[in-house]
Amino acid sequence: MTVTLKDFYADWCGPCKTQDPILEELEAEWSDVEFEKVNVDEEQDVANEYQVRSLPTLVIENDDGIVERFVGVTQAGDIESALEEASA
């Protein structure tokens, strides 16, 4: 099963900068998960497709679709729980 974490961010977004080190740590631990960064200023069509209204927004999906969506800075434990659920 393919699991993807999409990180919707903007360069001007302060909370997005807070989220970055958390995601970098998780990316090192979760080698079987595809981590994608989506700059909402450059990829507005993708942000609209995922109905992103606030930043940062994290969308975790697998072959069945979206498993979890987080809005705002999200702690590693919450993200890991959703990744485990998506991988099951």
PDB file of N, CA and C in Angstrom:
ATOM      1  N   MET A   1       0.852  -1.182   0.000  1.00  0.00           N
ATOM      2  CA  MET A   1       0.000   0.000   0.000  1.00  0.00           C
ATOM      3  C   MET A   1       0.896   1.242   0.000  1.00  0.00           C
ATOM      4  N   THR A   2       0.560   2.181  -0.854  1.00  0.00           N
ATOM      5  CA  THR A   2       1.305   3.435  -0.931  1.00  0.00           C
ATOM      6  C   THR A   2       0.714   4.443   0.043  1.00  0.00           C
ATOM      7  N   VAL A   3       1.576   5.009   0.890  1.00  0.00           N
ATOM      8  CA  VAL A   3       1.145   6.028   1.841  1.00  0.00           C
ATOM      9  C   VAL A   3       1.887   7.314   1.514  1.00  0.00           C
ATOM     10  N   THR A   4       1.133   8.409   1.432  1.00  0.00           N
ATOM     11  CA  THR A   4       1.704   9.716   1.097  1.00  0.00           C
ATOM     12  C   THR A   4       1.294  10.733   2.147  1.00  0.00           C
ATOM     13  N   LEU A   5       2.245  11.571   2.550  1.00  0.00           N
ATOM     14  CA  LEU A   5       1.952  12.715   3.407  1.00  0.00           C
ATOM     15  C   LEU A   5       2.220  13.964   2.589  1.00  0.00           C
ATOM     16  N   LYS A   6       1.174  14.735   2.354  1.00  0.00           N
ATOM     17  CA  LYS A   6       1.318  16.000   1.625  1.00  0.00           C
ATOM     18  C   LYS A   6       1.343  17.135   2.638  1.00  0.00           C
ATOM     19  N   ASP A   7       2.391  17.945   2.578  1.00  0.00           N
ATOM     20  CA  ASP A   7       2.576  19.093   3.462  1.00  0.00           C
ATOM     21  C   ASP A   7       2.293  20.352   2.662  1.00  0.00           C
ATOM     22  N   PHE A   8       1.136  20.950   2.907  1.00  0.00           N
ATOM     23  CA  PHE A   8       0.770  22.197   2.231  1.00  0.00           C
ATOM     24  C   PHE A   8       1.313  23.358   3.054  1.00  0.00           C
ATOM     25  N   TYR A   9       2.147  24.189   2.424  1.00  0.00           N
ATOM     26  CA  TYR A   9       2.843  25.252   3.144  1.00  0.00           C
ATOM     27  C   TYR A   9       3.013  26.463   2.241  1.00  0.00           C
ATOM     28  N   ALA A  10       3.531  27.548   2.840  1.00  0.00           N
ATOM     29  CA  ALA A  10       3.939  28.735   2.086  1.00  0.00           C
ATOM     30  C   ALA A  10       5.215  29.261   2.739  1.00  0.00           C
ATOM     31  N   ASP A  11       6.075  29.873   1.938  1.00  0.00           N
ATOM     32  CA  ASP A  11       7.349  30.378   2.457  1.00  0.00           C
ATOM     33  C   ASP A  11       7.141  31.440   3.534  1.00  0.00           C
ATOM     34  N   TRP A  12       6.044  32.189   3.466  1.00  0.00           N
ATOM     35  CA  TRP A  12       5.782  33.280   4.406  1.00  0.00           C
ATOM     36  C   TRP A  12       5.073  32.823   5.685  1.00  0.00           C
ATOM     37  N   CYS A  13       4.779  31.548   5.786  1.00  0.00           N
ATOM     38  CA  CYS A  13       3.970  31.003   6.887  1.00  0.00           C
ATOM     39  C   CYS A  13       4.856  30.608   8.069  1.00  0.00           C
ATOM     40  N   GLY A  14       4.740  31.348   9.170  1.00  0.00           N
ATOM     41  CA  GLY A  14       5.523  31.056  10.370  1.00  0.00           C
ATOM     42  C   GLY A  14       5.271  29.675  10.952  1.00  0.00           C
ATOM     43  N   PRO A  15       3.997  29.287  11.173  1.00  0.00           N
ATOM     44  CA  PRO A  15       3.732  27.948  11.704  1.00  0.00           C
ATOM     45  C   PRO A  15       4.263  26.827  10.798  1.00  0.00           C
ATOM     46  N   CYS A  16       4.320  27.086   9.490  1.00  0.00           N
ATOM     47  CA  CYS A  16       4.877  26.082   8.567  1.00  0.00           C
ATOM     48  C   CYS A  16       6.348  25.829   8.890  1.00  0.00           C
ATOM     49  N   LYS A  17       7.072  26.885   9.248  1.00  0.00           N
ATOM     50  CA  LYS A  17       8.485  26.742   9.608  1.00  0.00           C
ATOM     51  C   LYS A  17       8.633  25.944  10.905  1.00  0.00           C
ATOM     52  N   THR A  18       7.656  26.062  11.801  1.00  0.00           N
ATOM     53  CA  THR A  18       7.645  25.266  13.032  1.00  0.00           C
ATOM     54  C   THR A  18       7.386  23.794  12.713  1.00  0.00           C
ATOM     55  N   GLN A  19       6.551  23.540  11.725  1.00  0.00           N
ATOM     56  CA  GLN A  19       6.192  22.165  11.347  1.00  0.00           C
ATOM     57  C   GLN A  19       7.348  21.442  10.655  1.00  0.00           C
ATOM     58  N   ASP A  20       8.179  22.175   9.923  1.00  0.00           N
ATOM     59  CA  ASP A  20       9.235  21.561   9.102  1.00  0.00           C
ATOM     60  C   ASP A  20      10.137  20.577   9.845  1.00  0.00           C
ATOM     61  N   PRO A  21      10.747  20.944  10.986  1.00  0.00           N
ATOM     62  CA  PRO A  21      11.655  19.987  11.639  1.00  0.00           C
ATOM     63  C   PRO A  21      10.950  18.715  12.114  1.00  0.00           C
ATOM     64  N   ILE A  22       9.676  18.832  12.481  1.00  0.00           N
ATOM     65  CA  ILE A  22       8.901  17.655  12.884  1.00  0.00           C
ATOM     66  C   ILE A  22       8.768  16.707  11.699  1.00  0.00           C
ATOM     67  N   LEU A  23       8.441  17.260  10.540  1.00  0.00           N
ATOM     68  CA  LEU A  23       8.272  16.430   9.341  1.00  0.00           C
ATOM     69  C   LEU A  23       9.601  15.850   8.873  1.00  0.00           C
ATOM     70  N   GLU A  24      10.685  16.624   8.990  1.00  0.00           N
ATOM     71  CA  GLU A  24      11.998  16.116   8.578  1.00  0.00           C
ATOM     72  C   GLU A  24      12.399  14.917   9.426  1.00  0.00           C
ATOM     73  N   GLU A  25      12.121  14.979  10.717  1.00  0.00           N
ATOM     74  CA  GLU A  25      12.428  13.862  11.611  1.00  0.00           C
ATOM     75  C   GLU A  25      11.604  12.634  11.240  1.00  0.00           C
ATOM     76  N   LEU A  26      10.306  12.839  10.982  1.00  0.00           N
ATOM     77  CA  LEU A  26       9.433  11.722  10.613  1.00  0.00           C
ATOM     78  C   LEU A  26       9.851  11.120   9.278  1.00  0.00           C
ATOM     79  N   GLU A  27      10.247  11.962   8.342  1.00  0.00           N
ATOM     80  CA  GLU A  27      10.651  11.467   7.022  1.00  0.00           C
ATOM     81  C   GLU A  27      11.862  10.545   7.145  1.00  0.00           C
ATOM     82  N   ALA A  28      12.768  10.855   8.063  1.00  0.00           N
ATOM     83  CA  ALA A  28      13.942  10.007   8.284  1.00  0.00           C
ATOM     84  C   ALA A  28      13.540   8.656   8.878  1.00  0.00           C
ATOM     85  N   GLU A  29      12.490   8.642   9.691  1.00  0.00           N
ATOM     86  CA  GLU A  29      12.052   7.412  10.359  1.00  0.00           C
ATOM     87  C   GLU A  29      11.118   6.566   9.487  1.00  0.00           C
ATOM     88  N   TRP A  30      10.333   7.210   8.638  1.00  0.00           N
ATOM     89  CA  TRP A  30       9.299   6.525   7.856  1.00  0.00           C
ATOM     90  C   TRP A  30       9.730   6.460   6.387  1.00  0.00           C
ATOM     91  N   SER A  31      10.692   5.613   6.097  1.00  0.00           N
ATOM     92  CA  SER A  31      11.242   5.539   4.736  1.00  0.00           C
ATOM     93  C   SER A  31      10.232   4.984   3.725  1.00  0.00           C
ATOM     94  N   ASP A  32       9.213   4.277   4.207  1.00  0.00           N
ATOM     95  CA  ASP A  32       8.218   3.689   3.295  1.00  0.00           C
ATOM     96  C   ASP A  32       7.084   4.655   2.976  1.00  0.00           C
ATOM     97  N   VAL A  33       7.108   5.862   3.556  1.00  0.00           N
ATOM     98  CA  VAL A  33       6.078   6.866   3.294  1.00  0.00           C
ATOM     99  C   VAL A  33       6.655   7.932   2.371  1.00  0.00           C
ATOM    100  N   GLU A  34       5.860   8.320   1.388  1.00  0.00           N
ATOM    101  CA  GLU A  34       6.278   9.377   0.462  1.00  0.00           C
ATOM    102  C   GLU A  34       5.863  10.731   1.038  1.00  0.00           C
ATOM    103  N   PHE A  35       6.849  11.579   1.288  1.00  0.00           N
ATOM    104  CA  PHE A  35       6.592  12.918   1.817  1.00  0.00           C
ATOM    105  C   PHE A  35       6.658  13.916   0.668  1.00  0.00           C
ATOM    106  N   GLU A  36       5.607  14.707   0.509  1.00  0.00           N
ATOM    107  CA  GLU A  36       5.558  15.708  -0.555  1.00  0.00           C
ATOM    108  C   GLU A  36       5.295  17.075   0.050  1.00  0.00           C
ATOM    109  N   LYS A  37       6.066  18.066  -0.376  1.00  0.00           N
ATOM    110  CA  LYS A  37       5.824  19.448   0.037  1.00  0.00           C
ATOM    111  C   LYS A  37       5.106  20.157  -1.112  1.00  0.00           C
ATOM    112  N   VAL A  38       3.990  20.816  -0.786  1.00  0.00           N
ATOM    113  CA  VAL A  38       3.205  21.520  -1.792  1.00  0.00           C
ATOM    114  C   VAL A  38       3.156  23.000  -1.402  1.00  0.00           C
ATOM    115  N   ASN A  39       3.842  23.836  -2.176  1.00  0.00           N
ATOM    116  CA  ASN A  39       3.829  25.278  -1.950  1.00  0.00           C
ATOM    117  C   ASN A  39       2.519  25.820  -2.515  1.00  0.00           C
ATOM    118  N   VAL A  40       1.639  26.296  -1.638  1.00  0.00           N
ATOM    119  CA  VAL A  40       0.304  26.700  -2.085  1.00  0.00           C
ATOM    120  C   VAL A  40       0.337  27.929  -2.987  1.00  0.00           C
ATOM    121  N   ASP A  41       1.386  28.740  -2.881  1.00  0.00           N
ATOM    122  CA  ASP A  41       1.494  29.906  -3.760  1.00  0.00           C
ATOM    123  C   ASP A  41       1.843  29.500  -5.189  1.00  0.00           C
ATOM    124  N   GLU A  42       2.584  28.407  -5.331  1.00  0.00           N
ATOM    125  CA  GLU A  42       3.010  27.940  -6.650  1.00  0.00           C
ATOM    126  C   GLU A  42       2.074  26.885  -7.232  1.00  0.00           C
ATOM    127  N   GLU A  43       1.350  26.180  -6.366  1.00  0.00           N
ATOM    128  CA  GLU A  43       0.493  25.077  -6.822  1.00  0.00           C
ATOM    129  C   GLU A  43      -0.925  25.259  -6.274  1.00  0.00           C
ATOM    130  N   GLN A  44      -1.541  26.373  -6.653  1.00  0.00           N
ATOM    131  CA  GLN A  44      -2.872  26.691  -6.144  1.00  0.00           C
ATOM    132  C   GLN A  44      -3.915  25.665  -6.581  1.00  0.00           C
ATOM    133  N   ASP A  45      -3.729  25.087  -7.753  1.00  0.00           N
ATOM    134  CA  ASP A  45      -4.696  24.098  -8.233  1.00  0.00           C
ATOM    135  C   ASP A  45      -4.708  22.862  -7.338  1.00  0.00           C
ATOM    136  N   VAL A  46      -3.532  22.433  -6.880  1.00  0.00           N
ATOM    137  CA  VAL A  46      -3.453  21.268  -5.993  1.00  0.00           C
ATOM    138  C   VAL A  46      -4.060  21.624  -4.634  1.00  0.00           C
ATOM    139  N   ALA A  47      -3.742  22.817  -4.128  1.00  0.00           N
ATOM    140  CA  ALA A  47      -4.310  23.263  -2.856  1.00  0.00           C
ATOM    141  C   ALA A  47      -5.837  23.324  -2.938  1.00  0.00           C
ATOM    142  N   ASN A  48      -6.361  23.795  -4.047  1.00  0.00           N
ATOM    143  CA  ASN A  48      -7.815  23.850  -4.222  1.00  0.00           C
ATOM    144  C   ASN A  48      -8.415  22.453  -4.296  1.00  0.00           C
ATOM    145  N   GLU A  49      -7.739  21.561  -4.991  1.00  0.00           N
ATOM    146  CA  GLU A  49      -8.219  20.180  -5.116  1.00  0.00           C
ATOM    147  C   GLU A  49      -8.367  19.537  -3.733  1.00  0.00           C
ATOM    148  N   TYR A  50      -7.434  19.838  -2.828  1.00  0.00           N
ATOM    149  CA  TYR A  50      -7.461  19.277  -1.475  1.00  0.00           C
ATOM    150  C   TYR A  50      -8.185  20.193  -0.478  1.00  0.00           C
ATOM    151  N   GLN A  51      -8.797  21.253  -0.974  1.00  0.00           N
ATOM    152  CA  GLN A  51      -9.587  22.185  -0.173  1.00  0.00           C
ATOM    153  C   GLN A  51      -8.797  22.732   1.010  1.00  0.00           C
ATOM    154  N   VAL A  52      -7.565  23.147   0.737  1.00  0.00           N
ATOM    155  CA  VAL A  52      -6.707  23.714   1.776  1.00  0.00           C
ATOM    156  C   VAL A  52      -7.109  25.167   1.998  1.00  0.00           C
ATOM    157  N   ARG A  53      -7.466  25.494   3.238  1.00  0.00           N
ATOM    158  CA  ARG A  53      -7.903  26.844   3.587  1.00  0.00           C
ATOM    159  C   ARG A  53      -6.991  27.507   4.623  1.00  0.00           C
ATOM    160  N   SER A  54      -6.230  26.704   5.371  1.00  0.00           N
ATOM    161  CA  SER A  54      -5.333  27.209   6.404  1.00  0.00           C
ATOM    162  C   SER A  54      -3.998  26.487   6.295  1.00  0.00           C
ATOM    163  N   LEU A  55      -2.959  27.139   6.806  1.00  0.00           N
ATOM    164  CA  LEU A  55      -1.618  26.559   6.743  1.00  0.00           C
ATOM    165  C   LEU A  55      -1.026  26.467   8.141  1.00  0.00           C
ATOM    166  N   PRO A  56      -0.185  25.474   8.375  1.00  0.00           N
ATOM    167  CA  PRO A  56       0.055  24.339   7.484  1.00  0.00           C
ATOM    168  C   PRO A  56      -1.107  23.349   7.513  1.00  0.00           C
ATOM    169  N   THR A  57      -1.285  22.649   6.420  1.00  0.00           N
ATOM    170  CA  THR A  57      -2.237  21.545   6.351  1.00  0.00           C
ATOM    171  C   THR A  57      -1.469  20.307   5.925  1.00  0.00           C
ATOM    172  N   LEU A  58      -1.669  19.223   6.652  1.00  0.00           N
ATOM    173  CA  LEU A  58      -1.066  17.936   6.306  1.00  0.00           C
ATOM    174  C   LEU A  58      -2.187  16.995   5.893  1.00  0.00           C
ATOM    175  N   VAL A  59      -1.998  16.328   4.764  1.00  0.00           N
ATOM    176  CA  VAL A  59      -2.975  15.345   4.291  1.00  0.00           C
ATOM    177  C   VAL A  59      -2.252  14.012   4.146  1.00  0.00           C
ATOM    178  N   ILE A  60      -2.753  13.013   4.857  1.00  0.00           N
ATOM    179  CA  ILE A  60      -2.185  11.667   4.779  1.00  0.00           C
ATOM    180  C   ILE A  60      -3.171  10.812   4.007  1.00  0.00           C
ATOM    181  N   GLU A  61      -2.666  10.180   2.951  1.00  0.00           N
ATOM    182  CA  GLU A  61      -3.553   9.347   2.138  1.00  0.00           C
ATOM    183  C   GLU A  61      -2.856   8.039   1.772  1.00  0.00           C
ATOM    184  N   ASN A  62      -3.694   7.060   1.462  1.00  0.00           N
ATOM    185  CA  ASN A  62      -3.192   5.780   0.960  1.00  0.00           C
ATOM    186  C   ASN A  62      -3.990   5.417  -0.288  1.00  0.00           C
ATOM    187  N   ASP A  63      -3.879   4.178  -0.708  1.00  0.00           N
ATOM    188  CA  ASP A  63      -4.544   3.761  -1.945  1.00  0.00           C
ATOM    189  C   ASP A  63      -6.065   3.923  -1.877  1.00  0.00           C
ATOM    190  N   ASP A  64      -6.625   3.947  -0.676  1.00  0.00           N
ATOM    191  CA  ASP A  64      -8.062   4.077  -0.501  1.00  0.00           C
ATOM    192  C   ASP A  64      -8.538   5.527  -0.465  1.00  0.00           C
ATOM    193  N   GLY A  65      -7.593   6.486  -0.385  1.00  0.00           N
ATOM    194  CA  GLY A  65      -7.971   7.896  -0.318  1.00  0.00           C
ATOM    195  C   GLY A  65      -7.398   8.564   0.919  1.00  0.00           C
ATOM    196  N   ILE A  66      -7.992   9.681   1.301  1.00  0.00           N
ATOM    197  CA  ILE A  66      -7.498  10.454   2.444  1.00  0.00           C
ATOM    198  C   ILE A  66      -7.836   9.728   3.743  1.00  0.00           C
ATOM    199  N   VAL A  67      -6.810   9.527   4.568  1.00  0.00           N
ATOM    200  CA  VAL A  67      -6.977   8.857   5.855  1.00  0.00           C
ATOM    201  C   VAL A  67      -7.123   9.891   6.972  1.00  0.00           C
ATOM    202  N   GLU A  68      -6.323  10.949   6.891  1.00  0.00           N
ATOM    203  CA  GLU A  68      -6.326  11.958   7.957  1.00  0.00           C
ATOM    204  C   GLU A  68      -5.912  13.303   7.393  1.00  0.00           C
ATOM    205  N   ARG A  69      -6.428  14.358   8.017  1.00  0.00           N
ATOM    206  CA  ARG A  69      -6.085  15.730   7.644  1.00  0.00           C
ATOM    207  C   ARG A  69      -5.825  16.491   8.940  1.00  0.00           C
ATOM    208  N   PHE A  70      -4.698  17.175   8.980  1.00  0.00           N
ATOM    209  CA  PHE A  70      -4.352  18.003  10.138  1.00  0.00           C
ATOM    210  C   PHE A  70      -4.218  19.448   9.678  1.00  0.00           C
ATOM    211  N   VAL A  71      -4.771  20.375  10.444  1.00  0.00           N
ATOM    212  CA  VAL A  71      -4.644  21.799  10.149  1.00  0.00           C
ATOM    213  C   VAL A  71      -3.952  22.454  11.339  1.00  0.00           C
ATOM    214  N   GLY A  72      -2.907  23.219  11.052  1.00  0.00           N
ATOM    215  CA  GLY A  72      -2.116  23.822  12.112  1.00  0.00           C
ATOM    216  C   GLY A  72      -0.925  22.938  12.443  1.00  0.00           C
ATOM    217  N   VAL A  73      -0.054  23.455  13.289  1.00  0.00           N
ATOM    218  CA  VAL A  73       1.140  22.692  13.670  1.00  0.00           C
ATOM    219  C   VAL A  73       0.697  21.430  14.402  1.00  0.00           C
ATOM    220  N   THR A  74       1.188  20.283  13.941  1.00  0.00           N
ATOM    221  CA  THR A  74       0.778  18.990  14.469  1.00  0.00           C
ATOM    222  C   THR A  74       1.991  18.259  15.038  1.00  0.00           C
ATOM    223  N   GLN A  75       1.831  17.688  16.213  1.00  0.00           N
ATOM    224  CA  GLN A  75       2.928  17.002  16.882  1.00  0.00           C
ATOM    225  C   GLN A  75       3.211  15.654  16.224  1.00  0.00           C
ATOM    226  N   ALA A  76       4.447  15.201  16.383  1.00  0.00           N
ATOM    227  CA  ALA A  76       4.917  13.968  15.739  1.00  0.00           C
ATOM    228  C   ALA A  76       4.057  12.765  16.107  1.00  0.00           C
ATOM    229  N   GLY A  77       3.668  12.652  17.366  1.00  0.00           N
ATOM    230  CA  GLY A  77       2.882  11.491  17.797  1.00  0.00           C
ATOM    231  C   GLY A  77       1.561  11.368  17.066  1.00  0.00           C
ATOM    232  N   ASP A  78       0.897  12.499  16.857  1.00  0.00           N
ATOM    233  CA  ASP A  78      -0.386  12.483  16.140  1.00  0.00           C
ATOM    234  C   ASP A  78      -0.190  12.073  14.683  1.00  0.00           C
ATOM    235  N   ILE A  79       0.878  12.583  14.083  1.00  0.00           N
ATOM    236  CA  ILE A  79       1.164  12.237  12.681  1.00  0.00           C
ATOM    237  C   ILE A  79       1.511  10.761  12.574  1.00  0.00           C
ATOM    238  N   GLU A  80       2.331  10.264  13.508  1.00  0.00           N
ATOM    239  CA  GLU A  80       2.720   8.848  13.469  1.00  0.00           C
ATOM    240  C   GLU A  80       1.510   7.931  13.608  1.00  0.00           C
ATOM    241  N   SER A  81       0.572   8.283  14.476  1.00  0.00           N
ATOM    242  CA  SER A  81      -0.644   7.469  14.628  1.00  0.00           C
ATOM    243  C   SER A  81      -1.411   7.384  13.306  1.00  0.00           C
ATOM    244  N   ALA A  82      -1.511   8.518  12.619  1.00  0.00           N
ATOM    245  CA  ALA A  82      -2.222   8.534  11.342  1.00  0.00           C
ATOM    246  C   ALA A  82      -1.442   7.751  10.277  1.00  0.00           C
ATOM    247  N   LEU A  83      -0.110   7.826  10.301  1.00  0.00           N
ATOM    248  CA  LEU A  83       0.691   7.059   9.347  1.00  0.00           C
ATOM    249  C   LEU A  83       0.546   5.570   9.584  1.00  0.00           C
ATOM    250  N   GLU A  84       0.495   5.163  10.859  1.00  0.00           N
ATOM    251  CA  GLU A  84       0.283   3.739  11.182  1.00  0.00           C
ATOM    252  C   GLU A  84      -1.070   3.270  10.678  1.00  0.00           C
ATOM    253  N   GLU A  85      -2.096   4.105  10.880  1.00  0.00           N
ATOM    254  CA  GLU A  85      -3.443   3.760  10.414  1.00  0.00           C
ATOM    255  C   GLU A  85      -3.466   3.644   8.886  1.00  0.00           C
ATOM    256  N   ALA A  86      -2.802   4.581   8.207  1.00  0.00           N
ATOM    257  CA  ALA A  86      -2.784   4.583   6.746  1.00  0.00           C
ATOM    258  C   ALA A  86      -2.012   3.391   6.182  1.00  0.00           C
ATOM    259  N   SER A  87      -1.024   2.922   6.942  1.00  0.00           N
ATOM    260  CA  SER A  87      -0.178   1.814   6.477  1.00  0.00           C
ATOM    261  C   SER A  87      -0.806   0.449   6.731  1.00  0.00           C
ATOM    262  N   ALA A  88      -1.804   0.400   7.605  1.00  0.00           N
ATOM    263  CA  ALA A  88      -2.408  -0.883   8.006  1.00  0.00           C
ATOM    264  C   ALA A  88      -3.229  -1.500   6.896  1.00  0.00           C
TER     265      ALA A  88
END
